[in-house]
Amino acid sequence: MPPTGLPHGAVPGLERPGPLRDRVYEALLELIATRALQPGRHLVESELAGRLGISRQPVREALQRLNTEGWVDLRPAQGAFVHEPTEREADQLLTVRTLLEAEAARLAAADADGDGVAVLEELCAEGEQAVAADDVEAAVRLNARFHAKIMELAGNAVLADLAAQVDRRARWYYTPVARQRGRQSWAEHRELTAAIAGRDEQRAAALMREHTEHTRRSYHAHAQS
């Protein structure tokens, strides 16, 4: 039987403003996306409510929303479980991510500025430090910030909106291979940053395609091991 409730120490904060059901939804989604709540984990309403210090109703509403979005499976007579992604789901998502991010890298290189490049270089340095310290959580967070910064530098609002829809799920798939990708991932980030700084649009797009493809292949290798 899969474990239930929240893992020890993984009690999210609910202090942000907004309807309670939305705050519970965001808190649980973050725990799922970062794999603090692993795929297959049984999510018991009463236990989640108790750990969060709230009633069961907002938890139920959050779980129903997470079910609609594919993060949670609601099984009759069994309850809620963190969704276990199939390889086909991962492949489709990561393929779309490759298309979006390659175009973002090209656009970022087309209009690169010193301040933006400096932020990318700083994120690379912090990411390398996280890898050296074997801090997977920080490495995953910094990886997301690096890719988000490139999307910001692309300056295309429609592209950014589409990328936001896949960002958390991409992080969900990246987390299990973050340690494996480690130094190589940040070396690829360095190359990508240099291409953007040099305003080399085609190289930036090609490097991003290679980078995201490496992550896709690593995820499949991990899933099959």
C-alpha atoms as a PDB file:
ATOM      1  CA  MET A   1       0.000   0.000   0.000  1.00  0.00           C
ATOM      2  CA  PRO A   2       1.420   3.449  -0.929  1.00  0.00           C
ATOM      3  CA  PRO A   3       2.140   5.869   1.932  1.00  0.00           C
ATOM      4  CA  THR A   4      -0.585   8.318   2.861  1.00  0.00           C
ATOM      5  CA  GLY A   5      -0.858  11.974   3.796  1.00  0.00           C
ATOM      6  CA  LEU A   6       2.061  14.410   3.771  1.00  0.00           C
ATOM      7  CA  PRO A   7       5.675  13.281   4.207  1.00  0.00           C
ATOM      8  CA  HIS A   8       7.375  14.284   7.446  1.00  0.00           C
ATOM      9  CA  GLY A   9       8.332  17.944   7.433  1.00  0.00           C
ATOM     10  CA  ALA A  10       6.435  18.720   4.231  1.00  0.00           C
ATOM     11  CA  VAL A  11       3.764  21.039   5.624  1.00  0.00           C
ATOM     12  CA  PRO A  12       3.268  23.904   3.158  1.00  0.00           C
ATOM     13  CA  GLY A  13       2.510  27.436   4.271  1.00  0.00           C
ATOM     14  CA  LEU A  14      -0.979  28.766   3.669  1.00  0.00           C
ATOM     15  CA  GLU A  15      -0.325  32.332   4.705  1.00  0.00           C
ATOM     16  CA  ARG A  16      -0.664  33.894   1.249  1.00  0.00           C
ATOM     17  CA  PRO A  17      -3.850  35.907   0.546  1.00  0.00           C
ATOM     18  CA  GLY A  18      -6.711  34.487  -1.478  1.00  0.00           C
ATOM     19  CA  PRO A  19      -9.493  31.911  -1.045  1.00  0.00           C
ATOM     20  CA  LEU A  20      -8.445  29.022   1.187  1.00  0.00           C
ATOM     21  CA  ARG A  21      -9.257  26.411  -1.462  1.00  0.00           C
ATOM     22  CA  ASP A  22      -6.867  28.144  -3.878  1.00  0.00           C
ATOM     23  CA  ARG A  23      -4.098  28.303  -1.294  1.00  0.00           C
ATOM     24  CA  VAL A  24      -4.547  24.613  -0.481  1.00  0.00           C
ATOM     25  CA  TYR A  25      -4.513  23.810  -4.200  1.00  0.00           C
ATOM     26  CA  GLU A  26      -1.275  25.755  -4.745  1.00  0.00           C
ATOM     27  CA  ALA A  27       0.364  24.184  -1.696  1.00  0.00           C
ATOM     28  CA  LEU A  28      -0.491  20.630  -2.720  1.00  0.00           C
ATOM     29  CA  LEU A  29       0.449  21.282  -6.355  1.00  0.00           C
ATOM     30  CA  GLU A  30       3.874  22.543  -5.294  1.00  0.00           C
ATOM     31  CA  LEU A  31       4.420  19.434  -3.160  1.00  0.00           C
ATOM     32  CA  ILE A  32       3.446  17.217  -6.097  1.00  0.00           C
ATOM     33  CA  ALA A  33       5.492  19.130  -8.684  1.00  0.00           C
ATOM     34  CA  THR A  34       8.620  18.956  -6.510  1.00  0.00           C
ATOM     35  CA  ARG A  35       7.890  15.276  -5.713  1.00  0.00           C
ATOM     36  CA  ALA A  36       7.716  15.879  -1.985  1.00  0.00           C
ATOM     37  CA  LEU A  37       4.495  13.952  -2.625  1.00  0.00           C
ATOM     38  CA  GLN A  38       5.628  11.069  -4.805  1.00  0.00           C
ATOM     39  CA  PRO A  39       3.573   9.576  -7.676  1.00  0.00           C
ATOM     40  CA  GLY A  40       1.263   6.906  -6.294  1.00  0.00           C
ATOM     41  CA  ARG A  41       1.028   8.427  -2.807  1.00  0.00           C
ATOM     42  CA  HIS A  42      -2.393   8.055  -1.204  1.00  0.00           C
ATOM     43  CA  LEU A  43      -3.797  11.464  -0.250  1.00  0.00           C
ATOM     44  CA  VAL A  44      -6.235  11.108   2.641  1.00  0.00           C
ATOM     45  CA  GLU A  45      -8.476  14.146   3.079  1.00  0.00           C
ATOM     46  CA  SER A  46      -8.667  13.927   6.863  1.00  0.00           C
ATOM     47  CA  GLU A  47      -4.879  13.580   7.260  1.00  0.00           C
ATOM     48  CA  LEU A  48      -4.145  16.431   4.875  1.00  0.00           C
ATOM     49  CA  ALA A  49      -6.685  18.647   6.639  1.00  0.00           C
ATOM     50  CA  GLY A  50      -5.206  17.782  10.024  1.00  0.00           C
ATOM     51  CA  ARG A  51      -1.645  18.530   8.962  1.00  0.00           C
ATOM     52  CA  LEU A  52      -2.710  21.813   7.368  1.00  0.00           C
ATOM     53  CA  GLY A  53      -4.895  22.792  10.316  1.00  0.00           C
ATOM     54  CA  ILE A  54      -8.018  23.322   8.222  1.00  0.00           C
ATOM     55  CA  SER A  55     -11.367  21.625   7.524  1.00  0.00           C
ATOM     56  CA  ARG A  56     -11.727  18.857   4.948  1.00  0.00           C
ATOM     57  CA  GLN A  57     -13.853  20.887   2.501  1.00  0.00           C
ATOM     58  CA  PRO A  58     -11.059  23.041   0.960  1.00  0.00           C
ATOM     59  CA  VAL A  59      -8.869  19.932   0.759  1.00  0.00           C
ATOM     60  CA  ARG A  60     -11.632  18.075  -1.093  1.00  0.00           C
ATOM     61  CA  GLU A  61     -12.078  21.001  -3.487  1.00  0.00           C
ATOM     62  CA  ALA A  62      -8.327  21.214  -4.105  1.00  0.00           C
ATOM     63  CA  LEU A  63      -8.084  17.486  -4.804  1.00  0.00           C
ATOM     64  CA  GLN A  64     -10.980  17.670  -7.260  1.00  0.00           C
ATOM     65  CA  ARG A  65      -9.247  20.507  -9.123  1.00  0.00           C
ATOM     66  CA  LEU A  66      -5.942  18.621  -9.143  1.00  0.00           C
ATOM     67  CA  ASN A  67      -7.808  15.618 -10.525  1.00  0.00           C
ATOM     68  CA  THR A  68      -9.272  17.709 -13.340  1.00  0.00           C
ATOM     69  CA  GLU A  69      -5.780  18.940 -14.241  1.00  0.00           C
ATOM     70  CA  GLY A  70      -4.236  15.469 -14.195  1.00  0.00           C
ATOM     71  CA  TRP A  71      -2.105  15.780 -11.060  1.00  0.00           C
ATOM     72  CA  VAL A  72      -4.272  13.534  -8.888  1.00  0.00           C
ATOM     73  CA  ASP A  73      -6.314  10.402  -9.628  1.00  0.00           C
ATOM     74  CA  LEU A  74      -9.627   9.981  -7.783  1.00  0.00           C
ATOM     75  CA  ARG A  75     -10.470   6.273  -7.559  1.00  0.00           C
ATOM     76  CA  PRO A  76     -13.960   5.107  -6.538  1.00  0.00           C
ATOM     77  CA  ALA A  77     -14.031   3.583  -3.045  1.00  0.00           C
ATOM     78  CA  GLN A  78     -10.258   4.129  -2.689  1.00  0.00           C
ATOM     79  CA  GLY A  79      -9.693   7.873  -2.563  1.00  0.00           C
ATOM     80  CA  ALA A  80      -7.152  10.269  -4.071  1.00  0.00           C
ATOM     81  CA  PHE A  81      -3.690   9.314  -5.291  1.00  0.00           C
ATOM     82  CA  VAL A  82      -0.882  11.373  -6.800  1.00  0.00           C
ATOM     83  CA  HIS A  83      -0.945  10.624 -10.518  1.00  0.00           C
ATOM     84  CA  GLU A  84       1.724   8.283 -11.855  1.00  0.00           C
ATOM     85  CA  PRO A  85       2.711   9.664 -15.267  1.00  0.00           C
ATOM     86  CA  THR A  86       3.138   7.304 -18.183  1.00  0.00           C
ATOM     87  CA  GLU A  87       6.181   7.518 -20.434  1.00  0.00           C
ATOM     88  CA  ARG A  88       3.899   8.624 -23.265  1.00  0.00           C
ATOM     89  CA  GLU A  89       2.597  11.544 -21.180  1.00  0.00           C
ATOM     90  CA  ALA A  90       6.137  12.578 -20.308  1.00  0.00           C
ATOM     91  CA  ASP A  91       7.284  12.295 -23.907  1.00  0.00           C
ATOM     92  CA  GLN A  92       4.448  14.456 -25.205  1.00  0.00           C
ATOM     93  CA  LEU A  93       4.975  17.143 -22.563  1.00  0.00           C
ATOM     94  CA  LEU A  94       8.744  17.284 -22.947  1.00  0.00           C
ATOM     95  CA  THR A  95       8.454  17.386 -26.743  1.00  0.00           C
ATOM     96  CA  VAL A  96       6.181  20.424 -26.526  1.00  0.00           C
ATOM     97  CA  ARG A  97       8.568  21.999 -24.030  1.00  0.00           C
ATOM     98  CA  THR A  98      11.428  21.566 -26.500  1.00  0.00           C
ATOM     99  CA  LEU A  99       9.525  23.430 -29.218  1.00  0.00           C
ATOM    100  CA  LEU A 100       8.573  26.308 -26.916  1.00  0.00           C
ATOM    101  CA  GLU A 101      11.957  26.731 -25.299  1.00  0.00           C
ATOM    102  CA  ALA A 102      13.970  26.497 -28.522  1.00  0.00           C
ATOM    103  CA  GLU A 103      11.954  29.394 -29.916  1.00  0.00           C
ATOM    104  CA  ALA A 104      12.351  31.303 -26.643  1.00  0.00           C
ATOM    105  CA  ALA A 105      16.139  30.858 -26.793  1.00  0.00           C
ATOM    106  CA  ARG A 106      16.187  32.137 -30.378  1.00  0.00           C
ATOM    107  CA  LEU A 107      14.143  35.210 -29.475  1.00  0.00           C
ATOM    108  CA  ALA A 108      16.265  35.866 -26.379  1.00  0.00           C
ATOM    109  CA  ALA A 109      19.408  35.818 -28.507  1.00  0.00           C
ATOM    110  CA  ALA A 110      17.833  38.145 -31.070  1.00  0.00           C
ATOM    111  CA  ASP A 111      17.471  40.897 -28.499  1.00  0.00           C
ATOM    112  CA  ALA A 112      20.006  40.017 -25.816  1.00  0.00           C
ATOM    113  CA  ASP A 113      20.992  42.673 -23.302  1.00  0.00           C
ATOM    114  CA  GLY A 114      23.801  42.796 -20.786  1.00  0.00           C
ATOM    115  CA  ASP A 115      21.575  42.790 -17.719  1.00  0.00           C
ATOM    116  CA  GLY A 116      19.661  39.722 -18.858  1.00  0.00           C
ATOM    117  CA  VAL A 117      22.829  37.820 -19.703  1.00  0.00           C
ATOM    118  CA  ALA A 118      24.273  38.751 -16.310  1.00  0.00           C
ATOM    119  CA  VAL A 119      21.259  37.188 -14.588  1.00  0.00           C
ATOM    120  CA  LEU A 120      21.690  33.990 -16.605  1.00  0.00           C
ATOM    121  CA  GLU A 121      25.379  33.842 -15.681  1.00  0.00           C
ATOM    122  CA  GLU A 122      24.551  34.358 -11.998  1.00  0.00           C
ATOM    123  CA  LEU A 123      21.966  31.558 -12.121  1.00  0.00           C
ATOM    124  CA  CYS A 124      24.546  29.287 -13.738  1.00  0.00           C
ATOM    125  CA  ALA A 125      27.007  29.995 -10.927  1.00  0.00           C
ATOM    126  CA  GLU A 126      24.363  29.305  -8.279  1.00  0.00           C
ATOM    127  CA  GLY A 127      23.262  26.140 -10.057  1.00  0.00           C
ATOM    128  CA  GLU A 128      26.823  24.845 -10.215  1.00  0.00           C
ATOM    129  CA  GLN A 129      27.195  25.515  -6.497  1.00  0.00           C
ATOM    130  CA  ALA A 130      23.965  23.608  -5.783  1.00  0.00           C
ATOM    131  CA  VAL A 131      25.215  20.627  -7.794  1.00  0.00           C
ATOM    132  CA  ALA A 132      28.571  20.698  -6.004  1.00  0.00           C
ATOM    133  CA  ALA A 133      26.706  20.666  -2.678  1.00  0.00           C
ATOM    134  CA  ASP A 134      24.424  17.852  -3.900  1.00  0.00           C
ATOM    135  CA  ASP A 135      21.445  20.106  -3.155  1.00  0.00           C
ATOM    136  CA  VAL A 136      18.949  18.640  -5.626  1.00  0.00           C
ATOM    137  CA  GLU A 137      16.052  20.799  -4.447  1.00  0.00           C
ATOM    138  CA  ALA A 138      18.031  24.000  -5.040  1.00  0.00           C
ATOM    139  CA  ALA A 139      19.331  22.742  -8.391  1.00  0.00           C
ATOM    140  CA  VAL A 140      15.782  22.026  -9.581  1.00  0.00           C
ATOM    141  CA  ARG A 141      14.566  25.422  -8.402  1.00  0.00           C
ATOM    142  CA  LEU A 142      17.466  27.236 -10.082  1.00  0.00           C
ATOM    143  CA  ASN A 143      16.981  25.250 -13.272  1.00  0.00           C
ATOM    144  CA  ALA A 144      13.361  26.443 -13.392  1.00  0.00           C
ATOM    145  CA  ARG A 145      14.479  30.039 -12.792  1.00  0.00           C
ATOM    146  CA  PHE A 146      17.074  29.802 -15.570  1.00  0.00           C
ATOM    147  CA  HIS A 147      14.525  28.604 -18.115  1.00  0.00           C
ATOM    148  CA  ALA A 148      11.963  31.148 -16.909  1.00  0.00           C
ATOM    149  CA  LYS A 149      14.512  33.943 -17.376  1.00  0.00           C
ATOM    150  CA  ILE A 150      15.142  32.911 -20.970  1.00  0.00           C
ATOM    151  CA  MET A 151      11.390  32.914 -21.542  1.00  0.00           C
ATOM    152  CA  GLU A 152      11.246  36.417 -20.046  1.00  0.00           C
ATOM    153  CA  LEU A 153      14.090  37.613 -22.280  1.00  0.00           C
ATOM    154  CA  ALA A 154      12.250  36.245 -25.320  1.00  0.00           C
ATOM    155  CA  GLY A 155       9.686  39.000 -24.804  1.00  0.00           C
ATOM    156  CA  ASN A 156       6.754  37.083 -26.290  1.00  0.00           C
ATOM    157  CA  ALA A 157       3.744  37.101 -23.971  1.00  0.00           C
ATOM    158  CA  VAL A 158       1.842  34.383 -25.843  1.00  0.00           C
ATOM    159  CA  LEU A 159       4.873  32.094 -25.804  1.00  0.00           C
ATOM    160  CA  ALA A 160       5.348  32.796 -22.093  1.00  0.00           C
ATOM    161  CA  ASP A 161       1.715  31.903 -21.353  1.00  0.00           C
ATOM    162  CA  LEU A 162       2.053  28.601 -23.200  1.00  0.00           C
ATOM    163  CA  ALA A 163       5.328  27.826 -21.434  1.00  0.00           C
ATOM    164  CA  ALA A 164       3.763  28.554 -18.042  1.00  0.00           C
ATOM    165  CA  GLN A 165       1.211  25.814 -18.700  1.00  0.00           C
ATOM    166  CA  VAL A 166       3.951  23.182 -19.012  1.00  0.00           C
ATOM    167  CA  ASP A 167       6.511  24.598 -16.560  1.00  0.00           C
ATOM    168  CA  ARG A 168       5.418  22.809 -13.388  1.00  0.00           C
ATOM    169  CA  ARG A 169       4.858  19.522 -15.141  1.00  0.00           C
ATOM    170  CA  ALA A 170       8.269  19.806 -16.803  1.00  0.00           C
ATOM    171  CA  ARG A 171       9.768  20.337 -13.334  1.00  0.00           C
ATOM    172  CA  TRP A 172       7.881  17.220 -12.177  1.00  0.00           C
ATOM    173  CA  TYR A 173       9.639  15.189 -14.850  1.00  0.00           C
ATOM    174  CA  TYR A 174      13.019  16.878 -14.353  1.00  0.00           C
ATOM    175  CA  THR A 175      13.266  16.330 -10.593  1.00  0.00           C
ATOM    176  CA  PRO A 176      13.978  12.546 -10.734  1.00  0.00           C
ATOM    177  CA  VAL A 177      16.903  13.092 -13.146  1.00  0.00           C
ATOM    178  CA  ALA A 178      18.272  16.319 -11.664  1.00  0.00           C
ATOM    179  CA  ARG A 179      21.129  14.566  -9.871  1.00  0.00           C
ATOM    180  CA  GLN A 180      21.926  12.457 -12.923  1.00  0.00           C
ATOM    181  CA  ARG A 181      21.972  15.507 -15.225  1.00  0.00           C
ATOM    182  CA  GLY A 182      23.942  17.489 -12.634  1.00  0.00           C
ATOM    183  CA  ARG A 183      27.058  19.215 -13.911  1.00  0.00           C
ATOM    184  CA  GLN A 184      26.309  18.437 -17.561  1.00  0.00           C
ATOM    185  CA  SER A 185      23.020  20.313 -17.393  1.00  0.00           C
ATOM    186  CA  TRP A 186      24.699  23.449 -16.086  1.00  0.00           C
ATOM    187  CA  ALA A 187      27.522  23.133 -18.617  1.00  0.00           C
ATOM    188  CA  GLU A 188      24.806  23.176 -21.286  1.00  0.00           C
ATOM    189  CA  HIS A 189      23.294  26.236 -19.617  1.00  0.00           C
ATOM    190  CA  ARG A 190      26.676  27.968 -19.838  1.00  0.00           C
ATOM    191  CA  GLU A 191      26.911  27.250 -23.576  1.00  0.00           C
ATOM    192  CA  LEU A 192      23.390  28.486 -24.076  1.00  0.00           C
ATOM    193  CA  THR A 193      24.105  31.679 -22.162  1.00  0.00           C
ATOM    194  CA  ALA A 194      27.166  32.324 -24.324  1.00  0.00           C
ATOM    195  CA  ALA A 195      25.108  31.876 -27.503  1.00  0.00           C
ATOM    196  CA  ILE A 196      22.482  34.325 -26.224  1.00  0.00           C
ATOM    197  CA  ALA A 197      25.172  36.816 -25.207  1.00  0.00           C
ATOM    198  CA  GLY A 198      26.684  36.504 -28.693  1.00  0.00           C
ATOM    199  CA  ARG A 199      23.271  37.094 -30.300  1.00  0.00           C
ATOM    200  CA  ASP A 200      23.629  33.821 -32.200  1.00  0.00           C
ATOM    201  CA  GLU A 201      19.965  32.979 -32.719  1.00  0.00           C
ATOM    202  CA  GLN A 202      20.396  29.707 -34.577  1.00  0.00           C
ATOM    203  CA  ARG A 203      23.000  28.346 -32.177  1.00  0.00           C
ATOM    204  CA  ALA A 204      20.903  29.324 -29.153  1.00  0.00           C
ATOM    205  CA  ALA A 205      17.868  27.509 -30.580  1.00  0.00           C
ATOM    206  CA  ALA A 206      19.926  24.428 -31.478  1.00  0.00           C
ATOM    207  CA  LEU A 207      21.563  24.279 -28.049  1.00  0.00           C
ATOM    208  CA  MET A 208      18.201  24.562 -26.309  1.00  0.00           C
ATOM    209  CA  ARG A 209      16.785  21.763 -28.444  1.00  0.00           C
ATOM    210  CA  GLU A 210      19.750  19.556 -27.547  1.00  0.00           C
ATOM    211  CA  HIS A 211      19.498  20.515 -23.877  1.00  0.00           C
ATOM    212  CA  THR A 212      15.815  19.685 -23.518  1.00  0.00           C
ATOM    213  CA  GLU A 213      16.254  16.523 -25.579  1.00  0.00           C
ATOM    214  CA  HIS A 214      18.954  15.349 -23.155  1.00  0.00           C
ATOM    215  CA  THR A 215      16.497  15.808 -20.304  1.00  0.00           C
ATOM    216  CA  ARG A 216      13.790  13.898 -22.193  1.00  0.00           C
ATOM    217  CA  ARG A 217      16.133  10.957 -22.849  1.00  0.00           C
ATOM    218  CA  SER A 218      17.358  10.987 -19.238  1.00  0.00           C
ATOM    219  CA  TYR A 219      13.787  10.833 -17.963  1.00  0.00           C
ATOM    220  CA  HIS A 220      12.969   7.828 -20.132  1.00  0.00           C
ATOM    221  CA  ALA A 221      16.178   6.052 -19.080  1.00  0.00           C
ATOM    222  CA  HIS A 222      15.307   6.691 -15.430  1.00  0.00           C
ATOM    223  CA  ALA A 223      11.727   5.461 -15.890  1.00  0.00           C
ATOM    224  CA  GLN A 224      12.949   2.234 -17.470  1.00  0.00           C
ATOM    225  CA  SER A 225      15.659   1.518 -14.871  1.00  0.00           C
END
